[in-house]
Every structure is written in structure tokens, then in C-alpha cells.
Amino acid sequence: MSNKGKTGVDVQRLLRVSAHQLWLATLVGDPPPSLSRLHARIASVSPGNLVAEISTAYQREHDECAVGRLVARRREALRFELEDEAVDFLQRSEVAWYLELLDGRLFRWHNASFVRILEDARDDENDEADRGRVAGALARHDIDSLAAQQPWLKVPIETGEAVGSGGQ
């Protein structure tokens, strides 16, 4: 699915690359206070934020599912099927990220890193609007159903809150 308008610009790619480059620009030693605040703002993502997946930013094949509204972040147990028997994989878990993409589909990421796409130049947060966006997305999508559609079984362990982008 192409997101190119009349100008030929792929908006999802533009958002993703711009967010990734902004995050990279904040990775400096001994930054001025304004740059430190900017880094903290884009590196800490919470449900309701518009986000971009950055660990695969150089791979265009992921652009279509890399930008959206973060609906949930959950730690889920790693499980697999072995001869018709579900077996715990050494009680290990992974972080699953659920994004409502720009076209309204729900997408599950794991082993990924995200940064926040700033929607406002001001520093203040709109927590009430974010909670409303998350509630609306959760009403439209069944996250447990999506997790079950994966080639391996996932079992929810806990719901997470804000986390940084460092490979979480």
C-alpha cells in the first residue's frame, strides 16, 4: 500500500525517517539542557503517543507498519508448540508493542525500538486526550486475538507503561 500523495512523497516514510534522524541528533555527549529535554521527550513513549519504530528504519519493507498510535505495551511470555504440547520457553518473555497504524489496522511489534513523533511544539502533555485515543483503539481492536494469531503462542504477563527506546 502506497502512502504517496500527488507530490510523490511517502508520508509514513517521511515521518519515520524524520523521527529517527531527530532521535539520532539528540545522542550527543554533554548536551545543552534544551537538547536533553528534547531527547527525554522523544525517547519516552507511552500509550496514546504517535510513534515510529526505529530499529528497522533503514529497511523500507517495514515502513508500512512502522508509524502509528501506541495502543499498548505488554510483557508477554515466550511459548512454543512442541508435538501438540505447549511448553514454556524457560519462562522467558518479550515486550510486545501494539500500534494502531495510520490506516487503522492494529499491528504487533516485538524486539523493536520506538521514538515518539512530536505532535505539538509545546512541552505539556495531553494525558486526557491520550487516554481517550487508547480507549478508542482498544475498543476497536482485540489485542489478545492478534497475539494469538502469531506463529508462536503468546500469553500476557503484565501491562507496561512508558519506556525508553533503547531496544525495549
N, C-alpha and C. Protein backbone atom coordinates (compact mmCIF):
# COMPACT_ATOMS: atom_id res chain seq x y z
N MET A 1 0.84 -1.18 0.00
CA MET A 1 0.00 0.00 0.00
C MET A 1 0.88 1.24 0.00
N SER A 2 0.69 2.10 -0.96
CA SER A 2 1.49 3.31 -1.06
C SER A 2 0.79 4.47 -0.36
N ASN A 3 1.57 5.27 0.33
CA ASN A 3 1.04 6.45 1.01
C ASN A 3 1.48 7.72 0.31
N LYS A 4 1.82 7.60 -0.96
CA LYS A 4 2.29 8.76 -1.71
C LYS A 4 1.10 9.58 -2.20
N GLY A 5 1.21 10.86 -1.97
CA GLY A 5 0.19 11.77 -2.45
C GLY A 5 0.56 12.28 -3.82
N LYS A 6 -0.05 13.37 -4.22
CA LYS A 6 0.20 13.94 -5.53
C LYS A 6 1.64 14.40 -5.70
N THR A 7 2.31 14.69 -4.60
CA THR A 7 3.70 15.15 -4.67
C THR A 7 4.69 14.00 -4.80
N GLY A 8 4.23 12.76 -4.63
CA GLY A 8 5.12 11.61 -4.70
C GLY A 8 5.84 11.32 -3.40
N VAL A 9 5.48 12.03 -2.33
CA VAL A 9 6.13 11.86 -1.03
C VAL A 9 5.38 10.79 -0.24
N ASP A 10 6.10 9.81 0.26
CA ASP A 10 5.54 8.78 1.12
C ASP A 10 5.53 9.34 2.55
N VAL A 11 4.35 9.70 3.04
CA VAL A 11 4.22 10.39 4.32
C VAL A 11 4.71 9.51 5.48
N GLN A 12 4.38 8.24 5.47
CA GLN A 12 4.84 7.36 6.55
C GLN A 12 6.36 7.30 6.59
N ARG A 13 6.98 7.16 5.43
CA ARG A 13 8.45 7.12 5.37
C ARG A 13 9.03 8.43 5.86
N LEU A 14 8.43 9.54 5.45
CA LEU A 14 8.89 10.86 5.86
C LEU A 14 8.82 11.00 7.39
N LEU A 15 7.71 10.61 7.99
CA LEU A 15 7.58 10.69 9.45
C LEU A 15 8.60 9.81 10.15
N ARG A 16 8.75 8.60 9.65
CA ARG A 16 9.67 7.65 10.28
C ARG A 16 11.11 8.11 10.19
N VAL A 17 11.55 8.51 9.01
CA VAL A 17 12.93 8.96 8.83
C VAL A 17 13.19 10.23 9.64
N SER A 18 12.25 11.15 9.64
CA SER A 18 12.43 12.41 10.38
C SER A 18 12.52 12.14 11.88
N ALA A 19 11.66 11.27 12.40
CA ALA A 19 11.70 10.94 13.83
C ALA A 19 13.01 10.25 14.18
N HIS A 20 13.46 9.33 13.34
CA HIS A 20 14.71 8.63 13.58
C HIS A 20 15.89 9.59 13.56
N GLN A 21 15.93 10.48 12.57
CA GLN A 21 17.04 11.43 12.47
C GLN A 21 17.04 12.42 13.63
N LEU A 22 15.87 12.84 14.08
CA LEU A 22 15.78 13.73 15.24
C LEU A 22 16.32 13.03 16.48
N TRP A 23 15.93 11.77 16.67
CA TRP A 23 16.44 11.00 17.81
C TRP A 23 17.96 10.88 17.74
N LEU A 24 18.50 10.55 16.55
CA LEU A 24 19.95 10.45 16.39
C LEU A 24 20.65 11.77 16.72
N ALA A 25 20.04 12.88 16.33
CA ALA A 25 20.64 14.20 16.58
C ALA A 25 20.71 14.53 18.06
N THR A 26 19.89 13.88 18.87
CA THR A 26 19.90 14.16 20.31
C THR A 26 20.92 13.30 21.06
N LEU A 27 21.57 12.38 20.37
CA LEU A 27 22.53 11.48 21.01
C LEU A 27 23.93 12.10 21.01
N VAL A 28 24.11 13.12 21.82
CA VAL A 28 25.41 13.80 21.91
C VAL A 28 25.87 13.80 23.36
N GLY A 29 27.16 13.81 23.55
CA GLY A 29 27.71 13.89 24.89
C GLY A 29 27.59 15.30 25.44
N ASP A 30 27.28 15.41 26.70
CA ASP A 30 27.14 16.70 27.40
C ASP A 30 26.27 17.69 26.62
N PRO A 31 25.02 17.29 26.35
CA PRO A 31 24.14 18.16 25.56
C PRO A 31 23.65 19.36 26.37
N PRO A 32 23.30 20.44 25.68
CA PRO A 32 22.68 21.56 26.38
C PRO A 32 21.32 21.13 26.94
N PRO A 33 20.83 21.83 27.96
CA PRO A 33 19.57 21.43 28.60
C PRO A 33 18.40 21.27 27.63
N SER A 34 18.29 22.13 26.64
CA SER A 34 17.16 22.03 25.71
C SER A 34 17.23 20.73 24.91
N LEU A 35 18.43 20.30 24.55
CA LEU A 35 18.58 19.05 23.80
C LEU A 35 18.31 17.84 24.71
N SER A 36 18.71 17.94 25.96
CA SER A 36 18.40 16.87 26.92
C SER A 36 16.90 16.71 27.08
N ARG A 37 16.19 17.82 27.19
CA ARG A 37 14.72 17.77 27.32
C ARG A 37 14.09 17.17 26.07
N LEU A 38 14.58 17.56 24.90
CA LEU A 38 14.05 17.02 23.65
C LEU A 38 14.28 15.52 23.57
N HIS A 39 15.48 15.07 23.92
CA HIS A 39 15.77 13.63 23.90
C HIS A 39 14.83 12.88 24.84
N ALA A 40 14.66 13.39 26.04
CA ALA A 40 13.77 12.73 27.01
C ALA A 40 12.35 12.67 26.48
N ARG A 41 11.94 13.72 25.81
CA ARG A 41 10.58 13.79 25.28
C ARG A 41 10.33 12.79 24.16
N ILE A 42 11.29 12.61 23.26
CA ILE A 42 11.06 11.70 22.15
C ILE A 42 11.43 10.26 22.48
N ALA A 43 12.30 10.04 23.47
CA ALA A 43 12.73 8.68 23.80
C ALA A 43 11.76 7.98 24.74
N SER A 44 10.93 8.71 25.44
CA SER A 44 9.98 8.11 26.37
C SER A 44 8.60 8.06 25.72
N VAL A 45 8.16 6.86 25.39
CA VAL A 45 6.87 6.71 24.71
C VAL A 45 5.87 6.06 25.65
N SER A 46 4.63 6.49 25.53
CA SER A 46 3.53 5.98 26.35
C SER A 46 2.34 5.68 25.46
N PRO A 47 1.46 4.79 25.91
CA PRO A 47 0.24 4.56 25.14
C PRO A 47 -0.48 5.88 24.87
N GLY A 48 -0.91 6.04 23.64
CA GLY A 48 -1.57 7.26 23.20
C GLY A 48 -0.67 8.12 22.34
N ASN A 49 0.65 7.95 22.48
CA ASN A 49 1.59 8.74 21.68
C ASN A 49 1.64 8.24 20.24
N LEU A 50 1.87 9.17 19.33
CA LEU A 50 2.18 8.82 17.95
C LEU A 50 3.65 8.43 17.94
N VAL A 51 3.98 7.25 17.41
CA VAL A 51 5.35 6.73 17.49
C VAL A 51 5.83 6.21 16.14
N ALA A 52 7.15 6.06 16.05
CA ALA A 52 7.78 5.46 14.88
C ALA A 52 8.74 4.38 15.37
N GLU A 53 8.72 3.24 14.71
CA GLU A 53 9.65 2.16 15.02
C GLU A 53 10.96 2.51 14.33
N ILE A 54 12.08 2.47 15.08
CA ILE A 54 13.35 2.95 14.52
C ILE A 54 14.42 1.87 14.37
N SER A 55 14.25 0.71 14.97
CA SER A 55 15.32 -0.30 14.87
C SER A 55 15.43 -0.86 13.45
N THR A 56 14.40 -0.71 12.65
CA THR A 56 14.43 -1.16 11.26
C THR A 56 14.26 0.02 10.30
N ALA A 57 14.65 1.20 10.73
CA ALA A 57 14.42 2.42 9.95
C ALA A 57 15.10 2.40 8.58
N TYR A 58 16.17 1.63 8.44
CA TYR A 58 16.87 1.58 7.16
C TYR A 58 16.31 0.50 6.23
N GLN A 59 15.28 -0.18 6.67
CA GLN A 59 14.67 -1.23 5.86
C GLN A 59 13.29 -0.77 5.39
N ARG A 60 13.18 -0.38 4.15
CA ARG A 60 11.93 0.17 3.63
C ARG A 60 10.75 -0.78 3.71
N GLU A 61 11.01 -2.08 3.70
CA GLU A 61 9.89 -3.04 3.71
C GLU A 61 9.06 -2.96 5.00
N HIS A 62 9.58 -2.29 6.03
CA HIS A 62 8.83 -2.16 7.28
C HIS A 62 8.10 -0.81 7.40
N ASP A 63 8.28 0.08 6.43
CA ASP A 63 7.69 1.42 6.53
C ASP A 63 6.18 1.40 6.71
N GLU A 64 5.51 0.49 6.03
CA GLU A 64 4.04 0.46 6.04
C GLU A 64 3.46 0.22 7.44
N CYS A 65 4.22 -0.45 8.30
CA CYS A 65 3.69 -0.80 9.63
C CYS A 65 4.52 -0.19 10.75
N ALA A 66 5.27 0.89 10.47
CA ALA A 66 6.20 1.43 11.45
C ALA A 66 5.76 2.73 12.10
N VAL A 67 4.66 3.33 11.67
CA VAL A 67 4.20 4.59 12.23
C VAL A 67 2.74 4.43 12.66
N GLY A 68 2.47 4.83 13.88
CA GLY A 68 1.09 4.75 14.36
C GLY A 68 0.97 5.20 15.80
N ARG A 69 -0.22 5.04 16.32
CA ARG A 69 -0.51 5.41 17.70
C ARG A 69 -0.25 4.20 18.58
N LEU A 70 0.59 4.35 19.61
CA LEU A 70 0.86 3.25 20.53
C LEU A 70 -0.38 2.99 21.37
N VAL A 71 -0.90 1.78 21.25
CA VAL A 71 -2.11 1.40 21.98
C VAL A 71 -1.75 0.70 23.28
N ALA A 72 -0.76 -0.18 23.23
CA ALA A 72 -0.38 -0.91 24.44
C ALA A 72 1.05 -1.41 24.30
N ARG A 73 1.65 -1.58 25.45
CA ARG A 73 2.96 -2.22 25.56
C ARG A 73 2.81 -3.26 26.66
N ARG A 74 3.04 -4.53 26.30
CA ARG A 74 2.83 -5.60 27.27
C ARG A 74 4.02 -6.55 27.26
N ARG A 75 4.32 -7.08 28.43
CA ARG A 75 5.32 -8.15 28.51
C ARG A 75 4.54 -9.45 28.36
N GLU A 76 4.96 -10.25 27.38
CA GLU A 76 4.27 -11.50 27.08
C GLU A 76 5.25 -12.65 27.15
N ALA A 77 4.77 -13.77 27.67
CA ALA A 77 5.63 -14.95 27.79
C ALA A 77 5.92 -15.52 26.42
N LEU A 78 7.14 -15.98 26.24
CA LEU A 78 7.51 -16.71 25.03
C LEU A 78 7.08 -18.15 25.22
N ARG A 79 6.32 -18.65 24.29
CA ARG A 79 5.87 -20.04 24.33
C ARG A 79 5.99 -20.60 22.93
N PHE A 80 6.03 -21.90 22.83
CA PHE A 80 6.04 -22.53 21.52
C PHE A 80 5.36 -23.89 21.63
N GLU A 81 4.96 -24.42 20.50
CA GLU A 81 4.31 -25.72 20.49
C GLU A 81 5.32 -26.79 20.12
N LEU A 82 5.29 -27.88 20.88
CA LEU A 82 6.19 -28.98 20.64
C LEU A 82 5.39 -30.27 20.72
N GLU A 83 5.20 -30.90 19.56
CA GLU A 83 4.45 -32.16 19.49
C GLU A 83 3.12 -32.06 20.22
N ASP A 84 2.29 -31.11 19.80
CA ASP A 84 0.94 -30.92 20.33
C ASP A 84 0.93 -30.57 21.82
N GLU A 85 2.01 -30.02 22.32
CA GLU A 85 2.07 -29.67 23.73
C GLU A 85 2.69 -28.28 23.86
N ALA A 86 2.00 -27.37 24.54
CA ALA A 86 2.55 -26.03 24.77
C ALA A 86 3.58 -26.12 25.89
N VAL A 87 4.78 -25.64 25.62
CA VAL A 87 5.86 -25.74 26.58
C VAL A 87 6.41 -24.34 26.87
N ASP A 88 6.60 -24.01 28.14
CA ASP A 88 7.22 -22.73 28.47
C ASP A 88 8.65 -22.71 27.97
N PHE A 89 9.05 -21.61 27.38
CA PHE A 89 10.40 -21.46 26.86
C PHE A 89 11.26 -20.83 27.95
N LEU A 90 11.64 -21.64 28.91
CA LEU A 90 12.49 -21.22 30.02
C LEU A 90 11.95 -19.99 30.74
N GLN A 91 10.65 -19.86 30.79
CA GLN A 91 10.00 -18.74 31.48
C GLN A 91 10.49 -17.38 30.98
N ARG A 92 10.87 -17.30 29.72
CA ARG A 92 11.34 -16.03 29.16
C ARG A 92 10.16 -15.24 28.63
N SER A 93 10.39 -13.96 28.48
CA SER A 93 9.32 -13.11 27.97
C SER A 93 9.91 -12.07 27.02
N GLU A 94 9.02 -11.39 26.35
CA GLU A 94 9.42 -10.31 25.45
C GLU A 94 8.41 -9.19 25.58
N VAL A 95 8.82 -8.00 25.17
CA VAL A 95 7.92 -6.85 25.17
C VAL A 95 7.22 -6.81 23.82
N ALA A 96 5.90 -6.75 23.86
CA ALA A 96 5.10 -6.62 22.64
C ALA A 96 4.52 -5.21 22.60
N TRP A 97 4.65 -4.58 21.45
CA TRP A 97 4.15 -3.23 21.23
C TRP A 97 2.98 -3.33 20.26
N TYR A 98 1.86 -2.73 20.58
CA TYR A 98 0.68 -2.75 19.72
C TYR A 98 0.42 -1.34 19.21
N LEU A 99 0.50 -1.19 17.89
CA LEU A 99 0.30 0.10 17.25
C LEU A 99 -0.98 0.07 16.42
N GLU A 100 -1.75 1.14 16.53
CA GLU A 100 -2.82 1.36 15.58
C GLU A 100 -2.20 2.19 14.46
N LEU A 101 -2.04 1.57 13.30
CA LEU A 101 -1.37 2.21 12.19
C LEU A 101 -2.19 3.37 11.64
N LEU A 102 -1.58 4.16 10.79
CA LEU A 102 -2.27 5.33 10.23
C LEU A 102 -3.52 4.96 9.45
N ASP A 103 -3.56 3.75 8.90
CA ASP A 103 -4.74 3.32 8.15
C ASP A 103 -5.78 2.61 9.03
N GLY A 104 -5.53 2.55 10.35
CA GLY A 104 -6.50 1.99 11.28
C GLY A 104 -6.28 0.54 11.66
N ARG A 105 -5.36 -0.16 10.98
CA ARG A 105 -5.08 -1.55 11.34
C ARG A 105 -4.28 -1.61 12.63
N LEU A 106 -4.41 -2.72 13.35
CA LEU A 106 -3.61 -2.95 14.54
C LEU A 106 -2.42 -3.82 14.15
N PHE A 107 -1.22 -3.46 14.62
CA PHE A 107 -0.02 -4.21 14.29
C PHE A 107 0.77 -4.47 15.56
N ARG A 108 1.31 -5.69 15.68
CA ARG A 108 2.10 -6.08 16.84
C ARG A 108 3.57 -6.13 16.47
N TRP A 109 4.39 -5.43 17.24
CA TRP A 109 5.84 -5.45 17.09
C TRP A 109 6.44 -6.15 18.30
N HIS A 110 7.57 -6.82 18.12
CA HIS A 110 8.37 -7.31 19.24
C HIS A 110 9.82 -7.13 18.85
N ASN A 111 10.69 -7.11 19.86
CA ASN A 111 12.12 -6.90 19.61
C ASN A 111 12.32 -5.64 18.76
N ALA A 112 11.74 -4.53 19.21
CA ALA A 112 11.75 -3.30 18.43
C ALA A 112 12.02 -2.11 19.34
N SER A 113 12.39 -0.99 18.73
CA SER A 113 12.62 0.26 19.45
C SER A 113 11.76 1.36 18.83
N PHE A 114 11.24 2.22 19.68
CA PHE A 114 10.33 3.26 19.23
C PHE A 114 10.76 4.62 19.76
N VAL A 115 10.42 5.65 18.99
CA VAL A 115 10.55 7.03 19.44
C VAL A 115 9.20 7.71 19.21
N ARG A 116 8.99 8.72 19.99
CA ARG A 116 7.76 9.49 19.89
C ARG A 116 7.86 10.49 18.76
N ILE A 117 6.80 10.59 17.99
CA ILE A 117 6.69 11.64 16.97
C ILE A 117 5.96 12.80 17.63
N LEU A 118 6.61 13.93 17.68
CA LEU A 118 6.03 15.08 18.37
C LEU A 118 4.86 15.64 17.56
N GLU A 119 3.74 15.81 18.24
CA GLU A 119 2.55 16.35 17.59
C GLU A 119 2.31 17.81 17.95
N ASP A 120 3.10 18.32 18.90
CA ASP A 120 2.92 19.68 19.38
C ASP A 120 4.29 20.21 19.77
N ALA A 121 4.55 21.47 19.51
CA ALA A 121 5.84 22.07 19.86
C ALA A 121 5.96 22.35 21.35
N ARG A 122 4.84 22.37 22.05
CA ARG A 122 4.87 22.66 23.48
C ARG A 122 5.31 21.43 24.27
N ASP A 123 5.82 21.65 25.45
CA ASP A 123 6.28 20.54 26.30
C ASP A 123 5.15 19.87 27.07
N ASP A 124 4.04 20.55 27.24
CA ASP A 124 2.98 19.97 28.07
C ASP A 124 2.35 18.77 27.39
N GLU A 125 1.92 17.84 28.19
CA GLU A 125 1.32 16.60 27.70
C GLU A 125 -0.20 16.71 27.77
N ASN A 126 -0.87 16.01 26.90
CA ASN A 126 -2.33 15.97 26.92
C ASN A 126 -2.75 14.55 27.30
N ASP A 127 -2.58 14.22 28.57
CA ASP A 127 -2.85 12.87 29.05
C ASP A 127 -4.30 12.44 28.83
N GLU A 128 -5.23 13.35 28.99
CA GLU A 128 -6.65 13.01 28.83
C GLU A 128 -6.94 12.60 27.38
N ALA A 129 -6.40 13.35 26.43
CA ALA A 129 -6.60 13.01 25.02
C ALA A 129 -5.94 11.68 24.70
N ASP A 130 -4.73 11.44 25.25
CA ASP A 130 -4.04 10.17 25.02
C ASP A 130 -4.86 9.00 25.58
N ARG A 131 -5.41 9.15 26.77
CA ARG A 131 -6.24 8.09 27.35
C ARG A 131 -7.46 7.82 26.48
N GLY A 132 -8.04 8.87 25.94
CA GLY A 132 -9.19 8.70 25.05
C GLY A 132 -8.82 7.97 23.76
N ARG A 133 -7.66 8.29 23.20
CA ARG A 133 -7.20 7.62 21.99
C ARG A 133 -6.95 6.14 22.24
N VAL A 134 -6.32 5.83 23.37
CA VAL A 134 -6.04 4.44 23.71
C VAL A 134 -7.34 3.68 23.94
N ALA A 135 -8.27 4.26 24.68
CA ALA A 135 -9.54 3.59 24.95
C ALA A 135 -10.28 3.31 23.64
N GLY A 136 -10.27 4.27 22.72
CA GLY A 136 -10.93 4.08 21.44
C GLY A 136 -10.29 2.97 20.63
N ALA A 137 -8.96 2.95 20.61
CA ALA A 137 -8.25 1.90 19.86
C ALA A 137 -8.48 0.53 20.48
N LEU A 138 -8.46 0.45 21.80
CA LEU A 138 -8.70 -0.84 22.46
C LEU A 138 -10.12 -1.33 22.20
N ALA A 139 -11.07 -0.40 22.07
CA ALA A 139 -12.45 -0.79 21.75
C ALA A 139 -12.57 -1.32 20.33
N ARG A 140 -11.73 -0.82 19.43
CA ARG A 140 -11.77 -1.24 18.02
C ARG A 140 -11.01 -2.53 17.76
N HIS A 141 -10.03 -2.86 18.59
CA HIS A 141 -9.14 -3.99 18.32
C HIS A 141 -9.08 -4.94 19.51
N ASP A 142 -8.92 -6.21 19.22
CA ASP A 142 -8.76 -7.24 20.23
C ASP A 142 -7.29 -7.66 20.26
N ILE A 143 -6.53 -7.09 21.18
CA ILE A 143 -5.09 -7.35 21.24
C ILE A 143 -4.81 -8.82 21.52
N ASP A 144 -5.56 -9.44 22.42
CA ASP A 144 -5.33 -10.85 22.73
C ASP A 144 -5.53 -11.72 21.49
N SER A 145 -6.50 -11.36 20.66
CA SER A 145 -6.74 -12.11 19.43
C SER A 145 -5.56 -11.97 18.48
N LEU A 146 -5.00 -10.76 18.37
CA LEU A 146 -3.85 -10.55 17.49
C LEU A 146 -2.65 -11.33 17.99
N ALA A 147 -2.41 -11.32 19.29
CA ALA A 147 -1.27 -12.05 19.85
C ALA A 147 -1.41 -13.55 19.57
N ALA A 148 -2.64 -14.05 19.62
CA ALA A 148 -2.87 -15.48 19.38
C ALA A 148 -2.65 -15.87 17.92
N GLN A 149 -2.71 -14.91 17.00
CA GLN A 149 -2.54 -15.20 15.58
C GLN A 149 -1.07 -15.37 15.18
N GLN A 150 -0.16 -15.11 16.10
CA GLN A 150 1.26 -15.23 15.81
C GLN A 150 1.62 -16.70 15.61
N PRO A 151 2.72 -17.00 14.90
CA PRO A 151 3.10 -18.39 14.68
C PRO A 151 3.50 -19.10 15.97
N TRP A 152 3.77 -18.38 17.00
CA TRP A 152 4.05 -18.98 18.30
C TRP A 152 3.03 -18.41 19.27
N LEU A 153 2.75 -19.10 20.33
CA LEU A 153 1.74 -18.67 21.29
C LEU A 153 2.29 -17.58 22.19
N LYS A 154 1.46 -16.62 22.54
CA LYS A 154 1.84 -15.55 23.45
C LYS A 154 0.84 -15.55 24.61
N VAL A 155 1.33 -15.37 25.78
CA VAL A 155 0.47 -15.30 26.95
C VAL A 155 0.77 -14.00 27.67
N PRO A 156 -0.24 -13.14 27.91
CA PRO A 156 0.03 -11.87 28.58
C PRO A 156 0.57 -12.08 29.99
N ILE A 157 1.55 -11.29 30.34
CA ILE A 157 2.08 -11.34 31.70
C ILE A 157 1.69 -10.08 32.45
N GLU A 158 1.94 -8.92 31.86
CA GLU A 158 1.63 -7.67 32.53
C GLU A 158 1.47 -6.56 31.50
N THR A 159 0.85 -5.47 31.90
CA THR A 159 0.73 -4.31 31.04
C THR A 159 1.80 -3.32 31.46
N GLY A 160 2.45 -2.70 30.50
CA GLY A 160 3.52 -1.78 30.81
C GLY A 160 3.12 -0.33 30.63
N GLU A 161 3.96 0.53 31.09
CA GLU A 161 3.76 1.98 30.94
C GLU A 161 4.86 2.54 30.05
N ALA A 162 5.23 3.77 30.30
CA ALA A 162 6.23 4.42 29.46
C ALA A 162 7.58 3.73 29.57
N VAL A 163 8.23 3.57 28.44
CA VAL A 163 9.57 3.00 28.42
C VAL A 163 10.39 3.78 27.41
N GLY A 164 11.69 3.71 27.52
CA GLY A 164 12.56 4.38 26.57
C GLY A 164 12.68 3.56 25.31
N SER A 165 13.43 4.07 24.35
CA SER A 165 13.54 3.41 23.07
C SER A 165 14.71 2.43 22.99
N GLY A 166 15.50 2.31 24.04
CA GLY A 166 16.73 1.55 23.99
C GLY A 166 16.55 0.05 23.84
N GLY A 167 15.95 -0.40 22.76
CA GLY A 167 15.85 -1.81 22.45
C GLY A 167 14.84 -2.56 23.28
N GLN A 168 13.90 -1.85 23.86
CA GLN A 168 12.93 -2.48 24.73
C GLN A 168 11.89 -3.23 23.94
